[in-house]
Amino acid sequence: MLKKFLSDEEGAQVIEYALIIAAISIVLVLALQPLLLGTGIGALVTRVVDCLTGTCS
């Protein structure tokens, strides 16, 4: 029974996908950290709003 349990690979793909998603999430958090922590996000939002209202420079 233990041998069958250890050789069963039915849930392996789900775990692999979860690891890939976790790795991508970590990369995104690290890449976006300067934008989110600094004044970059405020400036970005202001620029998007300006462009949507027609006052984009």
Protein backbone atom coordinates (compact mmCIF):
# COMPACT_ATOMS: atom_id res chain seq x y z
CA MET A 1 0.00 0.00 0.00
CA LEU A 2 2.80 2.44 0.86
CA LYS A 3 4.67 1.52 -2.30
CA LYS A 4 1.56 2.23 -4.38
CA PHE A 5 1.04 5.55 -2.59
CA LEU A 6 4.63 6.67 -3.20
CA SER A 7 4.52 5.71 -6.89
CA ASP A 8 1.19 7.46 -7.51
CA GLU A 9 1.75 10.63 -9.56
CA GLU A 10 -1.85 11.77 -9.92
CA GLY A 11 -1.49 15.02 -7.96
CA ALA A 12 2.00 15.86 -9.22
CA GLN A 13 0.82 18.22 -11.96
CA VAL A 14 -1.22 20.30 -9.53
CA ILE A 15 1.80 20.71 -7.28
CA GLU A 16 3.98 21.64 -10.25
CA TYR A 17 1.48 24.29 -11.37
CA ALA A 18 1.30 25.65 -7.82
CA LEU A 19 5.09 25.95 -7.68
CA ILE A 20 5.17 27.73 -11.05
CA ILE A 21 2.46 30.17 -9.93
CA ALA A 22 4.31 30.79 -6.66
CA ALA A 23 7.57 31.50 -8.50
CA ILE A 24 5.85 33.90 -10.92
CA SER A 25 4.15 35.66 -8.00
CA ILE A 26 7.45 36.15 -6.20
CA VAL A 27 9.06 37.56 -9.34
CA LEU A 28 6.14 39.95 -9.88
CA VAL A 29 6.23 41.17 -6.28
CA LEU A 30 9.97 41.79 -6.47
CA ALA A 31 9.71 43.50 -9.85
CA LEU A 32 6.81 45.74 -8.85
CA GLN A 33 8.06 46.54 -5.36
CA PRO A 34 9.82 49.82 -6.29
CA LEU A 35 6.73 50.98 -8.16
CA LEU A 36 4.36 50.13 -5.34
CA LEU A 37 6.48 51.40 -2.45
CA GLY A 38 7.73 54.60 -4.01
CA THR A 39 5.84 57.48 -5.52
CA GLY A 40 5.79 55.65 -8.82
CA ILE A 41 2.31 54.21 -8.39
CA GLY A 42 0.79 57.59 -7.59
CA ALA A 43 2.44 59.17 -10.61
CA LEU A 44 1.31 56.26 -12.77
CA VAL A 45 -2.30 56.54 -11.62
CA THR A 46 -2.26 60.31 -12.14
CA ARG A 47 -0.89 59.91 -15.65
CA VAL A 48 -3.49 57.28 -16.55
CA VAL A 49 -6.29 59.49 -15.21
CA ASP A 50 -4.92 62.47 -17.13
CA CYS A 51 -4.77 60.46 -20.34
CA LEU A 52 -8.30 59.14 -19.84
CA THR A 53 -9.69 62.63 -19.26
CA GLY A 54 -7.95 64.06 -22.32
CA THR A 55 -5.27 66.14 -20.59
CA CYS A 56 -2.42 63.73 -21.31
CA SER A 57 0.91 65.34 -22.12
